[in-house]
């Protein structure tokens, strides 16, 4: 996969986006870290870690061991340079998280309590790649089980070109019911513009990939706004986003690994499929 080329030249802008795009801190990070929950003393793998934005936060949240994995060499190098300066105790690994074999690497296989992925699954161009991310996550979890928490593109994101403009983004995709339909996101980060291509997968496609990887409990979480974000920007500012967010959080749990792991299993979808 050549997804890394989208990010290689965008490291600095991606880093600044957390500060310059209010929804990233007050909705995305707030909601995602709430879904991850208490990780004090836990071992966490951050798939598709990019420049390490969330990898560092997971370590600061008290995780015992944190490893960031990404296939973009410039992103990993940037993350490693920051680690040299900050000495948080985070490890970084250059590997393709869409390859199930990434979950079998030494020091990765069966080594984690929690696996995270922020905006990684939307870059899967095929069902095979989508399932590959999920299989890599399951193989990295303990044989006794664990959790996979992923921020993904909302399959029902608004196609109104102005819907997310107030949050610094413009999303577009072909009007097609086909799985994996290509789409595009343009984001404005100060003077820089990020142009990223993604693929649109339904809630069912996500659930099928997770089930095939051995996750047996899947729930969908809608984002919320932090109290600080509400106080600073006001309720009206967030209305569009909360009505139809561009991203949702998938929380998947796996029990003890058995000979069935990696084969399709029924999904206990404890929450309703996301709606617009």
Protein backbone atom coordinates (compact mmCIF):
# COMPACT_ATOMS: atom_id res chain seq x y z
CA UNK A 1 0.00 0.00 0.00
CA UNK A 2 1.22 3.51 -0.81
CA UNK A 3 -0.73 5.39 1.79
CA UNK A 4 2.44 6.68 3.42
CA UNK A 5 3.09 9.10 0.54
CA UNK A 6 0.09 11.15 1.69
CA UNK A 7 1.71 11.86 5.03
CA UNK A 8 5.43 11.99 4.36
CA UNK A 9 5.45 15.72 3.61
CA UNK A 10 2.71 16.61 6.08
CA UNK A 11 4.32 15.79 9.42
CA UNK A 12 4.54 19.36 10.72
CA UNK A 13 1.00 20.29 9.64
CA UNK A 14 -0.38 17.08 11.12
CA UNK A 15 1.31 17.85 14.44
CA UNK A 16 -0.11 21.38 14.53
CA UNK A 17 -3.61 20.26 13.58
CA UNK A 18 -4.30 19.15 17.16
CA UNK A 19 -3.82 22.74 18.32
CA UNK A 20 -5.22 24.60 15.33
CA UNK A 21 -8.37 22.52 14.66
CA UNK A 22 -10.52 22.80 17.82
CA UNK A 23 -12.56 19.66 17.10
CA UNK A 24 -9.41 17.51 17.23
CA UNK A 25 -8.73 18.31 20.88
CA UNK A 26 -12.21 18.96 22.24
CA UNK A 27 -14.14 16.25 20.35
CA UNK A 28 -11.76 13.73 18.79
CA UNK A 29 -9.13 13.38 21.51
CA UNK A 30 -11.65 13.84 24.30
CA UNK A 31 -13.98 11.14 22.96
CA UNK A 32 -11.27 8.74 21.86
CA UNK A 33 -9.33 8.80 25.11
CA UNK A 34 -12.58 8.39 27.06
CA UNK A 35 -13.30 5.28 24.99
CA UNK A 36 -9.79 3.94 25.62
CA UNK A 37 -10.40 4.43 29.33
CA UNK A 38 -8.01 3.79 32.20
CA UNK A 39 -4.79 2.30 30.84
CA UNK A 40 -2.58 2.81 33.89
CA UNK A 41 -0.10 -0.05 33.98
CA UNK A 42 -1.37 -1.51 30.71
CA UNK A 43 0.60 -2.25 27.55
CA UNK A 44 -0.71 -0.41 24.49
CA UNK A 45 0.04 -0.64 20.74
CA UNK A 46 -0.87 2.40 18.62
CA UNK A 47 -1.38 1.19 15.03
CA UNK A 48 -0.76 3.75 12.30
CA UNK A 49 0.69 6.06 14.94
CA UNK A 50 1.85 8.71 12.47
CA UNK A 51 3.96 11.33 14.20
CA UNK A 52 3.07 9.91 17.61
CA UNK A 53 0.37 12.39 18.64
CA UNK A 54 -1.72 9.79 20.44
CA UNK A 55 1.17 7.45 21.21
CA UNK A 56 2.69 10.09 23.49
CA UNK A 57 -0.66 10.83 25.13
CA UNK A 58 -1.21 7.15 25.87
CA UNK A 59 2.15 7.01 27.60
CA UNK A 60 1.41 10.17 29.58
CA UNK A 61 -1.92 8.62 30.60
CA UNK A 62 0.02 6.00 32.52
CA UNK A 63 0.41 3.08 30.13
CA UNK A 64 3.34 0.86 31.14
CA UNK A 65 4.62 0.08 27.66
CA UNK A 66 3.58 1.97 24.55
CA UNK A 67 4.62 1.08 21.02
CA UNK A 68 3.73 3.16 17.95
CA UNK A 69 3.67 1.43 14.56
CA UNK A 70 3.46 3.17 11.19
CA UNK A 71 4.56 2.38 7.64
CA UNK A 72 5.57 5.98 6.88
CA UNK A 73 9.32 6.17 7.53
CA UNK A 74 9.33 10.01 7.82
CA UNK A 75 6.52 9.87 10.40
CA UNK A 76 8.37 7.24 12.44
CA UNK A 77 11.63 9.18 12.21
CA UNK A 78 9.87 12.33 13.42
CA UNK A 79 8.35 10.39 16.33
CA UNK A 80 11.72 8.91 17.24
CA UNK A 81 13.40 12.33 17.21
CA UNK A 82 10.76 13.66 19.58
CA UNK A 83 11.28 10.62 21.80
CA UNK A 84 15.00 11.35 21.93
CA UNK A 85 14.21 14.86 23.20
CA UNK A 86 11.34 14.03 25.54
CA UNK A 87 12.41 10.57 26.80
CA UNK A 88 8.88 9.40 27.50
CA UNK A 89 9.83 5.76 27.07
CA UNK A 90 7.84 5.18 23.87
CA UNK A 91 9.01 2.71 21.21
CA UNK A 92 8.40 3.24 17.50
CA UNK A 93 8.40 0.65 14.76
CA UNK A 94 8.21 1.07 10.98
CA UNK A 95 5.86 -1.63 9.70
CA UNK A 96 2.71 -1.93 7.59
CA UNK A 97 -0.18 -2.31 10.02
CA UNK A 98 -2.45 -3.55 7.20
CA UNK A 99 -0.28 -6.67 6.92
CA UNK A 100 -1.47 -9.30 9.42
CA UNK A 101 2.17 -10.33 9.82
CA UNK A 102 2.76 -7.02 11.63
CA UNK A 103 0.94 -8.59 14.56
CA UNK A 104 3.39 -11.49 14.59
CA UNK A 105 6.58 -9.41 14.90
CA UNK A 106 8.89 -10.10 17.87
CA UNK A 107 7.87 -8.00 20.84
CA UNK A 108 4.46 -7.36 19.25
CA UNK A 109 2.73 -10.76 19.06
CA UNK A 110 0.50 -11.35 22.08
CA UNK A 111 2.15 -8.50 23.99
CA UNK A 112 -0.63 -5.92 24.50
CA UNK A 113 -3.74 -5.31 26.57
CA UNK A 114 -5.11 -2.60 24.27
CA UNK A 115 -4.56 -1.70 20.61
CA UNK A 116 -5.55 1.74 19.31
CA UNK A 117 -5.88 3.19 15.81
CA UNK A 118 -6.87 6.76 14.98
CA UNK A 119 -7.93 7.32 11.35
CA UNK A 120 -6.17 4.21 10.11
CA UNK A 121 -8.96 1.94 8.90
CA UNK A 122 -10.33 4.57 6.46
CA UNK A 123 -7.10 4.23 4.46
CA UNK A 124 -7.73 0.56 3.71
CA UNK A 125 -8.28 0.42 -0.08
CA UNK A 126 -9.58 -3.17 -0.04
CA UNK A 127 -11.54 -5.47 2.24
CA UNK A 128 -8.34 -7.50 2.58
CA UNK A 129 -6.50 -4.46 3.94
CA UNK A 130 -9.39 -3.56 6.24
CA UNK A 131 -9.35 -7.07 7.67
CA UNK A 132 -5.54 -6.97 7.75
CA UNK A 133 -5.56 -4.06 10.21
CA UNK A 134 -8.00 -5.96 12.43
CA UNK A 135 -6.03 -9.22 12.27
CA UNK A 136 -2.79 -7.40 13.11
CA UNK A 137 -4.54 -5.82 16.10
CA UNK A 138 -5.87 -9.17 17.34
CA UNK A 139 -2.52 -10.91 16.97
CA UNK A 140 -0.85 -8.13 18.96
CA UNK A 141 -3.30 -8.58 21.85
CA UNK A 142 -2.79 -11.12 24.62
CA UNK A 143 -3.90 -14.67 23.89
CA UNK A 144 -6.31 -14.15 26.79
CA UNK A 145 -7.96 -11.28 24.91
CA UNK A 146 -8.07 -7.51 24.98
CA UNK A 147 -9.55 -4.42 23.36
CA UNK A 148 -9.17 -2.63 20.04
CA UNK A 149 -10.30 1.01 20.03
CA UNK A 150 -10.34 2.73 16.63
CA UNK A 151 -11.46 6.15 15.43
CA UNK A 152 -12.91 5.58 11.96
CA UNK A 153 -14.71 7.55 9.29
CA UNK A 154 -18.42 7.75 9.98
CA UNK A 155 -19.97 5.68 7.14
CA UNK A 156 -22.84 8.19 7.16
CA UNK A 157 -20.75 11.39 7.13
CA UNK A 158 -22.47 14.41 5.62
CA UNK A 159 -21.95 14.96 1.91
CA UNK A 160 -22.98 18.61 2.25
CA UNK A 161 -19.74 20.32 1.14
CA UNK A 162 -20.10 23.02 3.81
CA UNK A 163 -21.10 20.76 6.73
CA UNK A 164 -17.61 20.50 8.25
CA UNK A 165 -16.16 23.74 6.87
CA UNK A 166 -16.47 25.46 10.24
CA UNK A 167 -14.20 22.79 11.68
CA UNK A 168 -11.54 23.29 9.03
CA UNK A 169 -12.44 20.35 6.79
CA UNK A 170 -14.14 19.51 3.53
CA UNK A 171 -15.11 15.90 2.83
CA UNK A 172 -16.24 14.56 -0.52
CA UNK A 173 -16.97 11.12 -1.91
CA UNK A 174 -18.65 9.68 -4.97
CA UNK A 175 -22.31 8.91 -4.42
CA UNK A 176 -22.05 5.15 -4.53
CA UNK A 177 -23.26 2.39 -2.22
CA UNK A 178 -20.24 0.27 -3.13
CA UNK A 179 -17.92 -0.69 -0.29
CA UNK A 180 -14.53 1.01 -0.41
CA UNK A 181 -15.79 3.97 -2.45
CA UNK A 182 -12.94 6.52 -2.69
CA UNK A 183 -13.29 9.87 -0.98
CA UNK A 184 -11.20 12.92 -0.26
CA UNK A 185 -10.62 15.15 2.73
CA UNK A 186 -9.11 18.63 2.55
CA UNK A 187 -8.12 20.17 5.88
CA UNK A 188 -6.82 23.67 6.55
CA UNK A 189 -4.14 23.85 9.24
CA UNK A 190 -3.00 27.45 9.54
CA UNK A 191 -1.28 28.30 6.24
CA UNK A 192 -1.04 24.65 5.20
CA UNK A 193 -3.55 22.47 3.38
CA UNK A 194 -3.70 18.72 3.93
CA UNK A 195 -5.19 16.67 1.08
CA UNK A 196 -5.90 13.06 2.03
CA UNK A 197 -7.60 10.27 0.12
CA UNK A 198 -9.70 7.73 2.01
CA UNK A 199 -12.07 4.82 1.39
CA UNK A 200 -15.62 4.65 2.66
CA UNK A 201 -16.58 1.40 4.45
CA UNK A 202 -19.99 0.64 5.93
CA UNK A 203 -20.57 -0.22 9.58
CA UNK A 204 -21.26 -3.79 8.46
CA UNK A 205 -17.94 -4.00 6.59
CA UNK A 206 -16.08 -2.87 9.73
CA UNK A 207 -17.96 -5.40 11.84
CA UNK A 208 -17.31 -8.23 9.38
CA UNK A 209 -13.57 -7.45 9.31
CA UNK A 210 -13.43 -7.35 13.10
CA UNK A 211 -15.36 -10.61 13.41
CA UNK A 212 -13.08 -12.35 10.90
CA UNK A 213 -10.10 -11.21 12.99
CA UNK A 214 -11.53 -12.75 16.15
CA UNK A 215 -13.28 -9.83 17.85
CA UNK A 216 -16.62 -10.95 19.23
CA UNK A 217 -18.09 -7.82 20.84
CA UNK A 218 -18.30 -4.63 18.80
CA UNK A 219 -19.92 -1.34 19.78
CA UNK A 220 -20.07 2.07 18.14
CA UNK A 221 -19.52 5.27 20.12
CA UNK A 222 -20.60 8.71 18.94
CA UNK A 223 -18.23 11.57 19.82
CA UNK A 224 -19.06 14.17 22.44
CA UNK A 225 -17.58 17.59 23.30
CA UNK A 226 -15.49 18.34 26.36
CA UNK A 227 -16.81 20.83 28.89
CA UNK A 228 -13.85 23.05 28.04
CA UNK A 229 -14.77 22.93 24.35
CA UNK A 230 -18.40 23.83 25.09
CA UNK A 231 -17.38 26.71 27.31
CA UNK A 232 -14.81 28.09 24.89
CA UNK A 233 -16.71 27.83 21.60
CA UNK A 234 -20.37 27.62 22.63
CA UNK A 235 -23.03 25.02 21.91
CA UNK A 236 -23.98 26.42 18.49
CA UNK A 237 -20.44 25.98 17.17
CA UNK A 238 -20.59 22.22 17.73
CA UNK A 239 -24.17 21.64 16.53
CA UNK A 240 -23.36 20.48 12.99
CA UNK A 241 -20.58 18.20 14.08
CA UNK A 242 -22.55 16.46 16.83
CA UNK A 243 -25.58 16.05 14.57
CA UNK A 244 -23.49 14.26 11.95
CA UNK A 245 -19.86 13.73 12.99
CA UNK A 246 -17.28 12.86 10.37
CA UNK A 247 -15.81 10.17 12.63
CA UNK A 248 -17.05 7.52 15.06
CA UNK A 249 -15.25 5.27 17.52
CA UNK A 250 -15.36 1.49 17.25
CA UNK A 251 -14.76 -0.42 20.47
CA UNK A 252 -14.03 -4.10 19.83
CA UNK A 253 -13.31 -6.75 22.44
CA UNK A 254 -11.75 -10.17 21.99
CA UNK A 255 -11.95 -13.11 24.36
CA UNK A 256 -9.30 -15.79 24.72
CA UNK A 257 -7.79 -16.77 21.41
CA UNK A 258 -9.02 -20.11 20.12
CA UNK A 259 -8.66 -22.12 16.94
CA UNK A 260 -11.60 -20.08 15.62
CA UNK A 261 -9.71 -16.79 15.82
CA UNK A 262 -9.14 -15.42 12.36
CA UNK A 263 -12.29 -17.05 10.99
CA UNK A 264 -15.62 -15.30 10.64
CA UNK A 265 -17.55 -15.22 13.91
CA UNK A 266 -20.98 -13.76 14.67
CA UNK A 267 -20.85 -10.18 15.90
CA UNK A 268 -22.74 -9.17 19.04
CA UNK A 269 -23.51 -5.61 18.03
CA UNK A 270 -24.58 -4.26 21.40
CA UNK A 271 -25.30 -0.79 20.07
CA UNK A 272 -27.29 0.21 16.99
CA UNK A 273 -25.56 0.79 13.70
CA UNK A 274 -24.69 4.50 13.42
CA UNK A 275 -27.26 6.67 11.75
CA UNK A 276 -27.01 10.07 10.19
